[in-house]
Amino acid sequence: MKPFKKRFPIIKNWSGIFTIYVLDDIITKDVLERHLVDAGNVIGIGRFSPRNNGYYGRFDAEILSWEEY
């Protein structure tokens, strides 16, 4: 009996919007955006992401709005 091969889908174009609450004033918009961009390039999302020695799962990040309360 042959071993079962796993197949994972590749989603070429995707997007999402989410909210981040920053609780420390030392984290500015520029610092947060730089960390998000680096996370997209170095860590990524998913099973075969750069964090797992893969080449999928990278993402581009940008801050669409920044509000202070």
PDB file of N, CA and C in Angstrom:
ATOM      1  N   MET A   1       0.835  -1.178   0.000  1.00  0.00           N
ATOM      2  CA  MET A   1       0.000   0.000   0.000  1.00  0.00           C
ATOM      3  C   MET A   1       0.886   1.250   0.000  1.00  0.00           C
ATOM      4  N   LYS A   2       0.589   2.196  -0.910  1.00  0.00           N
ATOM      5  CA  LYS A   2       1.359   3.427  -1.004  1.00  0.00           C
ATOM      6  C   LYS A   2       1.022   4.346   0.173  1.00  0.00           C
ATOM      7  N   PRO A   3       2.020   5.110   0.637  1.00  0.00           N
ATOM      8  CA  PRO A   3       1.713   6.078   1.691  1.00  0.00           C
ATOM      9  C   PRO A   3       0.835   7.204   1.149  1.00  0.00           C
ATOM     10  N   PHE A   4      -0.017   7.694   1.992  1.00  0.00           N
ATOM     11  CA  PHE A   4      -0.941   8.766   1.622  1.00  0.00           C
ATOM     12  C   PHE A   4      -0.181  10.083   1.507  1.00  0.00           C
ATOM     13  N   LYS A   5      -0.323  10.776   0.383  1.00  0.00           N
ATOM     14  CA  LYS A   5       0.317  12.071   0.191  1.00  0.00           C
ATOM     15  C   LYS A   5      -0.673  13.181   0.536  1.00  0.00           C
ATOM     16  N   LYS A   6      -0.203  14.134   1.321  1.00  0.00           N
ATOM     17  CA  LYS A   6      -1.041  15.269   1.688  1.00  0.00           C
ATOM     18  C   LYS A   6      -0.969  16.316   0.596  1.00  0.00           C
ATOM     19  N   ARG A   7      -2.071  16.970   0.381  1.00  0.00           N
ATOM     20  CA  ARG A   7      -2.132  18.066  -0.574  1.00  0.00           C
ATOM     21  C   ARG A   7      -2.756  19.260   0.121  1.00  0.00           C
ATOM     22  N   PHE A   8      -2.098  20.388  -0.017  1.00  0.00           N
ATOM     23  CA  PHE A   8      -2.588  21.607   0.597  1.00  0.00           C
ATOM     24  C   PHE A   8      -2.881  22.629  -0.495  1.00  0.00           C
ATOM     25  N   PRO A   9      -3.972  23.391  -0.347  1.00  0.00           N
ATOM     26  CA  PRO A   9      -4.306  24.374  -1.379  1.00  0.00           C
ATOM     27  C   PRO A   9      -3.338  25.549  -1.353  1.00  0.00           C
ATOM     28  N   ILE A  10      -3.178  26.179  -2.490  1.00  0.00           N
ATOM     29  CA  ILE A  10      -2.382  27.397  -2.605  1.00  0.00           C
ATOM     30  C   ILE A  10      -3.346  28.527  -2.952  1.00  0.00           C
ATOM     31  N   ILE A  11      -3.410  29.511  -2.082  1.00  0.00           N
ATOM     32  CA  ILE A  11      -4.267  30.669  -2.308  1.00  0.00           C
ATOM     33  C   ILE A  11      -3.351  31.806  -2.756  1.00  0.00           C
ATOM     34  N   LYS A  12      -3.415  32.147  -4.029  1.00  0.00           N
ATOM     35  CA  LYS A  12      -2.470  33.115  -4.577  1.00  0.00           C
ATOM     36  C   LYS A  12      -2.806  34.549  -4.187  1.00  0.00           C
ATOM     37  N   ASN A  13      -4.050  34.904  -4.152  1.00  0.00           N
ATOM     38  CA  ASN A  13      -4.461  36.266  -3.792  1.00  0.00           C
ATOM     39  C   ASN A  13      -5.460  36.204  -2.652  1.00  0.00           C
ATOM     40  N   TRP A  14      -5.126  36.846  -1.565  1.00  0.00           N
ATOM     41  CA  TRP A  14      -6.024  36.905  -0.431  1.00  0.00           C
ATOM     42  C   TRP A  14      -5.779  38.206   0.314  1.00  0.00           C
ATOM     43  N   SER A  15      -6.749  38.603   1.095  1.00  0.00           N
ATOM     44  CA  SER A  15      -6.593  39.826   1.876  1.00  0.00           C
ATOM     45  C   SER A  15      -7.449  39.725   3.128  1.00  0.00           C
ATOM     46  N   GLY A  16      -7.164  40.579   4.057  1.00  0.00           N
ATOM     47  CA  GLY A  16      -7.927  40.618   5.284  1.00  0.00           C
ATOM     48  C   GLY A  16      -7.661  41.917   6.015  1.00  0.00           C
ATOM     49  N   ILE A  17      -8.599  42.294   6.847  1.00  0.00           N
ATOM     50  CA  ILE A  17      -8.468  43.486   7.670  1.00  0.00           C
ATOM     51  C   ILE A  17      -8.714  43.066   9.105  1.00  0.00           C
ATOM     52  N   PHE A  18      -7.849  43.500   9.993  1.00  0.00           N
ATOM     53  CA  PHE A  18      -8.040  43.188  11.400  1.00  0.00           C
ATOM     54  C   PHE A  18      -7.622  44.365  12.259  1.00  0.00           C
ATOM     55  N   THR A  19      -8.027  44.330  13.513  1.00  0.00           N
ATOM     56  CA  THR A  19      -7.771  45.417  14.453  1.00  0.00           C
ATOM     57  C   THR A  19      -6.706  44.997  15.451  1.00  0.00           C
ATOM     58  N   ILE A  20      -5.757  45.879  15.671  1.00  0.00           N
ATOM     59  CA  ILE A  20      -4.723  45.668  16.682  1.00  0.00           C
ATOM     60  C   ILE A  20      -4.864  46.784  17.712  1.00  0.00           C
ATOM     61  N   TYR A  21      -4.955  46.415  18.969  1.00  0.00           N
ATOM     62  CA  TYR A  21      -5.002  47.392  20.045  1.00  0.00           C
ATOM     63  C   TYR A  21      -3.621  47.482  20.675  1.00  0.00           C
ATOM     64  N   VAL A  22      -3.001  48.637  20.583  1.00  0.00           N
ATOM     65  CA  VAL A  22      -1.673  48.858  21.151  1.00  0.00           C
ATOM     66  C   VAL A  22      -1.865  49.514  22.512  1.00  0.00           C
ATOM     67  N   LEU A  23      -1.360  48.863  23.558  1.00  0.00           N
ATOM     68  CA  LEU A  23      -1.578  49.349  24.908  1.00  0.00           C
ATOM     69  C   LEU A  23      -0.390  50.127  25.476  1.00  0.00           C
ATOM     70  N   ASP A  24       0.710  50.181  24.770  1.00  0.00           N
ATOM     71  CA  ASP A  24       1.900  50.850  25.261  1.00  0.00           C
ATOM     72  C   ASP A  24       2.235  52.023  24.341  1.00  0.00           C
ATOM     73  N   ASP A  25       2.399  53.203  24.911  1.00  0.00           N
ATOM     74  CA  ASP A  25       2.669  54.400  24.112  1.00  0.00           C
ATOM     75  C   ASP A  25       4.024  54.377  23.425  1.00  0.00           C
ATOM     76  N   ILE A  26       4.915  53.505  23.846  1.00  0.00           N
ATOM     77  CA  ILE A  26       6.242  53.442  23.232  1.00  0.00           C
ATOM     78  C   ILE A  26       6.174  52.844  21.817  1.00  0.00           C
ATOM     79  N   ILE A  27       5.098  52.120  21.510  1.00  0.00           N
ATOM     80  CA  ILE A  27       4.919  51.519  20.181  1.00  0.00           C
ATOM     81  C   ILE A  27       4.188  52.529  19.301  1.00  0.00           C
ATOM     82  N   THR A  28       4.911  53.084  18.366  1.00  0.00           N
ATOM     83  CA  THR A  28       4.337  54.065  17.448  1.00  0.00           C
ATOM     84  C   THR A  28       3.813  53.366  16.197  1.00  0.00           C
ATOM     85  N   LYS A  29       3.147  54.134  15.365  1.00  0.00           N
ATOM     86  CA  LYS A  29       2.628  53.588  14.103  1.00  0.00           C
ATOM     87  C   LYS A  29       3.765  53.042  13.247  1.00  0.00           C
ATOM     88  N   ASP A  30       4.872  53.779  13.161  1.00  0.00           N
ATOM     89  CA  ASP A  30       6.002  53.344  12.333  1.00  0.00           C
ATOM     90  C   ASP A  30       6.618  52.048  12.858  1.00  0.00           C
ATOM     91  N   VAL A  31       6.750  51.932  14.161  1.00  0.00           N
ATOM     92  CA  VAL A  31       7.318  50.717  14.760  1.00  0.00           C
ATOM     93  C   VAL A  31       6.410  49.522  14.501  1.00  0.00           C
ATOM     94  N   LEU A  32       5.117  49.694  14.698  1.00  0.00           N
ATOM     95  CA  LEU A  32       4.169  48.598  14.471  1.00  0.00           C
ATOM     96  C   LEU A  32       4.173  48.173  13.010  1.00  0.00           C
ATOM     97  N   GLU A  33       4.153  49.138  12.109  1.00  0.00           N
ATOM     98  CA  GLU A  33       4.125  48.802  10.681  1.00  0.00           C
ATOM     99  C   GLU A  33       5.406  48.078  10.259  1.00  0.00           C
ATOM    100  N   ARG A  34       6.545  48.519  10.766  1.00  0.00           N
ATOM    101  CA  ARG A  34       7.817  47.859  10.443  1.00  0.00           C
ATOM    102  C   ARG A  34       7.812  46.409  10.931  1.00  0.00           C
ATOM    103  N   HIS A  35       7.283  46.165  12.122  1.00  0.00           N
ATOM    104  CA  HIS A  35       7.217  44.797  12.644  1.00  0.00           C
ATOM    105  C   HIS A  35       6.244  43.929  11.839  1.00  0.00           C
ATOM    106  N   LEU A  36       5.131  44.493  11.420  1.00  0.00           N
ATOM    107  CA  LEU A  36       4.182  43.725  10.609  1.00  0.00           C
ATOM    108  C   LEU A  36       4.767  43.368   9.250  1.00  0.00           C
ATOM    109  N   VAL A  37       5.467  44.305   8.634  1.00  0.00           N
ATOM    110  CA  VAL A  37       6.106  44.041   7.333  1.00  0.00           C
ATOM    111  C   VAL A  37       7.176  42.954   7.486  1.00  0.00           C
ATOM    112  N   ASP A  38       7.995  43.066   8.530  1.00  0.00           N
ATOM    113  CA  ASP A  38       9.027  42.052   8.757  1.00  0.00           C
ATOM    114  C   ASP A  38       8.409  40.682   9.048  1.00  0.00           C
ATOM    115  N   ALA A  39       7.322  40.662   9.799  1.00  0.00           N
ATOM    116  CA  ALA A  39       6.648  39.388  10.083  1.00  0.00           C
ATOM    117  C   ALA A  39       6.125  38.748   8.805  1.00  0.00           C
ATOM    118  N   GLY A  40       5.612  39.551   7.896  1.00  0.00           N
ATOM    119  CA  GLY A  40       5.128  39.024   6.627  1.00  0.00           C
ATOM    120  C   GLY A  40       6.223  38.444   5.765  1.00  0.00           C
ATOM    121  N   ASN A  41       7.410  39.008   5.856  1.00  0.00           N
ATOM    122  CA  ASN A  41       8.531  38.526   5.042  1.00  0.00           C
ATOM    123  C   ASN A  41       9.279  37.367   5.682  1.00  0.00           C
ATOM    124  N   VAL A  42       9.397  37.366   6.990  1.00  0.00           N
ATOM    125  CA  VAL A  42      10.239  36.384   7.677  1.00  0.00           C
ATOM    126  C   VAL A  42       9.437  35.231   8.278  1.00  0.00           C
ATOM    127  N   ILE A  43       8.284  35.529   8.854  1.00  0.00           N
ATOM    128  CA  ILE A  43       7.512  34.499   9.551  1.00  0.00           C
ATOM    129  C   ILE A  43       6.410  33.940   8.659  1.00  0.00           C
ATOM    130  N   GLY A  44       5.572  34.797   8.118  1.00  0.00           N
ATOM    131  CA  GLY A  44       4.491  34.353   7.237  1.00  0.00           C
ATOM    132  C   GLY A  44       3.356  33.694   7.987  1.00  0.00           C
ATOM    133  N   ILE A  45       2.438  33.097   7.221  1.00  0.00           N
ATOM    134  CA  ILE A  45       1.269  32.427   7.778  1.00  0.00           C
ATOM    135  C   ILE A  45       1.140  31.055   7.126  1.00  0.00           C
ATOM    136  N   GLY A  46       0.833  30.048   7.912  1.00  0.00           N
ATOM    137  CA  GLY A  46       0.526  28.731   7.361  1.00  0.00           C
ATOM    138  C   GLY A  46       1.600  27.691   7.584  1.00  0.00           C
ATOM    139  N   ARG A  47       1.293  26.482   7.141  1.00  0.00           N
ATOM    140  CA  ARG A  47       2.131  25.316   7.385  1.00  0.00           C
ATOM    141  C   ARG A  47       3.465  25.364   6.624  1.00  0.00           C
ATOM    142  N   PHE A  48       3.441  25.869   5.408  1.00  0.00           N
ATOM    143  CA  PHE A  48       4.662  25.884   4.588  1.00  0.00           C
ATOM    144  C   PHE A  48       5.181  27.313   4.456  1.00  0.00           C
ATOM    145  N   SER A  49       5.161  28.035   5.555  1.00  0.00           N
ATOM    146  CA  SER A  49       5.605  29.430   5.581  1.00  0.00           C
ATOM    147  C   SER A  49       7.112  29.502   5.788  1.00  0.00           C
ATOM    148  N   PRO A  50       7.708  30.682   5.629  1.00  0.00           N
ATOM    149  CA  PRO A  50       9.153  30.824   5.843  1.00  0.00           C
ATOM    150  C   PRO A  50       9.597  30.363   7.238  1.00  0.00           C
ATOM    151  N   ARG A  51       8.740  30.533   8.225  1.00  0.00           N
ATOM    152  CA  ARG A  51       9.069  30.084   9.581  1.00  0.00           C
ATOM    153  C   ARG A  51       9.323  28.583   9.617  1.00  0.00           C
ATOM    154  N   ASN A  52       8.668  27.839   8.727  1.00  0.00           N
ATOM    155  CA  ASN A  52       8.794  26.384   8.664  1.00  0.00           C
ATOM    156  C   ASN A  52       9.660  25.943   7.478  1.00  0.00           C
ATOM    157  N   ASN A  53      10.572  26.793   7.072  1.00  0.00           N
ATOM    158  CA  ASN A  53      11.470  26.529   5.941  1.00  0.00           C
ATOM    159  C   ASN A  53      10.730  26.384   4.611  1.00  0.00           C
ATOM    160  N   GLY A  54       9.601  27.041   4.498  1.00  0.00           N
ATOM    161  CA  GLY A  54       8.836  27.012   3.252  1.00  0.00           C
ATOM    162  C   GLY A  54       8.964  28.321   2.504  1.00  0.00           C
ATOM    163  N   TYR A  55       8.224  28.441   1.431  1.00  0.00           N
ATOM    164  CA  TYR A  55       8.291  29.657   0.634  1.00  0.00           C
ATOM    165  C   TYR A  55       6.910  30.223   0.339  1.00  0.00           C
ATOM    166  N   TYR A  56       5.857  29.673   0.912  1.00  0.00           N
ATOM    167  CA  TYR A  56       4.517  30.246   0.793  1.00  0.00           C
ATOM    168  C   TYR A  56       4.156  30.946   2.097  1.00  0.00           C
ATOM    169  N   GLY A  57       3.074  31.686   2.089  1.00  0.00           N
ATOM    170  CA  GLY A  57       2.564  32.296   3.304  1.00  0.00           C
ATOM    171  C   GLY A  57       3.091  33.681   3.608  1.00  0.00           C
ATOM    172  N   ARG A  58       3.929  34.213   2.741  1.00  0.00           N
ATOM    173  CA  ARG A  58       4.400  35.577   2.965  1.00  0.00           C
ATOM    174  C   ARG A  58       3.252  36.549   2.691  1.00  0.00           C
ATOM    175  N   PHE A  59       3.294  37.697   3.352  1.00  0.00           N
ATOM    176  CA  PHE A  59       2.246  38.688   3.144  1.00  0.00           C
ATOM    177  C   PHE A  59       2.819  40.092   3.235  1.00  0.00           C
ATOM    178  N   ASP A  60       2.119  41.028   2.611  1.00  0.00           N
ATOM    179  CA  ASP A  60       2.433  42.458   2.712  1.00  0.00           C
ATOM    180  C   ASP A  60       1.479  43.056   3.724  1.00  0.00           C
ATOM    181  N   ALA A  61       1.982  43.946   4.559  1.00  0.00           N
ATOM    182  CA  ALA A  61       1.148  44.568   5.580  1.00  0.00           C
ATOM    183  C   ALA A  61       1.232  46.076   5.466  1.00  0.00           C
ATOM    184  N   GLU A  62       0.117  46.715   5.728  1.00  0.00           N
ATOM    185  CA  GLU A  62       0.101  48.161   5.792  1.00  0.00           C
ATOM    186  C   GLU A  62      -0.974  48.582   6.787  1.00  0.00           C
ATOM    187  N   ILE A  63      -0.716  49.682   7.436  1.00  0.00           N
ATOM    188  CA  ILE A  63      -1.685  50.208   8.394  1.00  0.00           C
ATOM    189  C   ILE A  63      -2.592  51.168   7.647  1.00  0.00           C
ATOM    190  N   LEU A  64      -3.881  50.846   7.617  1.00  0.00           N
ATOM    191  CA  LEU A  64      -4.838  51.666   6.888  1.00  0.00           C
ATOM    192  C   LEU A  64      -5.286  52.864   7.697  1.00  0.00           C
ATOM    193  N   SER A  65      -5.404  52.700   9.006  1.00  0.00           N
ATOM    194  CA  SER A  65      -5.778  53.842   9.854  1.00  0.00           C
ATOM    195  C   SER A  65      -5.129  53.655  11.225  1.00  0.00           C
ATOM    196  N   TRP A  66      -4.872  54.766  11.881  1.00  0.00           N
ATOM    197  CA  TRP A  66      -4.243  54.779  13.198  1.00  0.00           C
ATOM    198  C   TRP A  66      -5.026  55.772  14.039  1.00  0.00           C
ATOM    199  N   GLU A  67      -5.661  55.294  15.086  1.00  0.00           N
ATOM    200  CA  GLU A  67      -6.458  56.156  15.951  1.00  0.00           C
ATOM    201  C   GLU A  67      -5.927  56.085  17.361  1.00  0.00           C
ATOM    202  N   GLU A  68      -5.876  57.220  18.024  1.00  0.00           N
ATOM    203  CA  GLU A  68      -5.453  57.256  19.414  1.00  0.00           C
ATOM    204  C   GLU A  68      -6.654  57.598  20.287  1.00  0.00           C
ATOM    205  N   TYR A  69      -6.745  56.907  21.420  1.00  0.00           N
ATOM    206  CA  TYR A  69      -7.859  57.122  22.351  1.00  0.00           C
ATOM    207  C   TYR A  69      -7.340  57.654  23.655  1.00  0.00           C
TER     208      TYR A  69
END
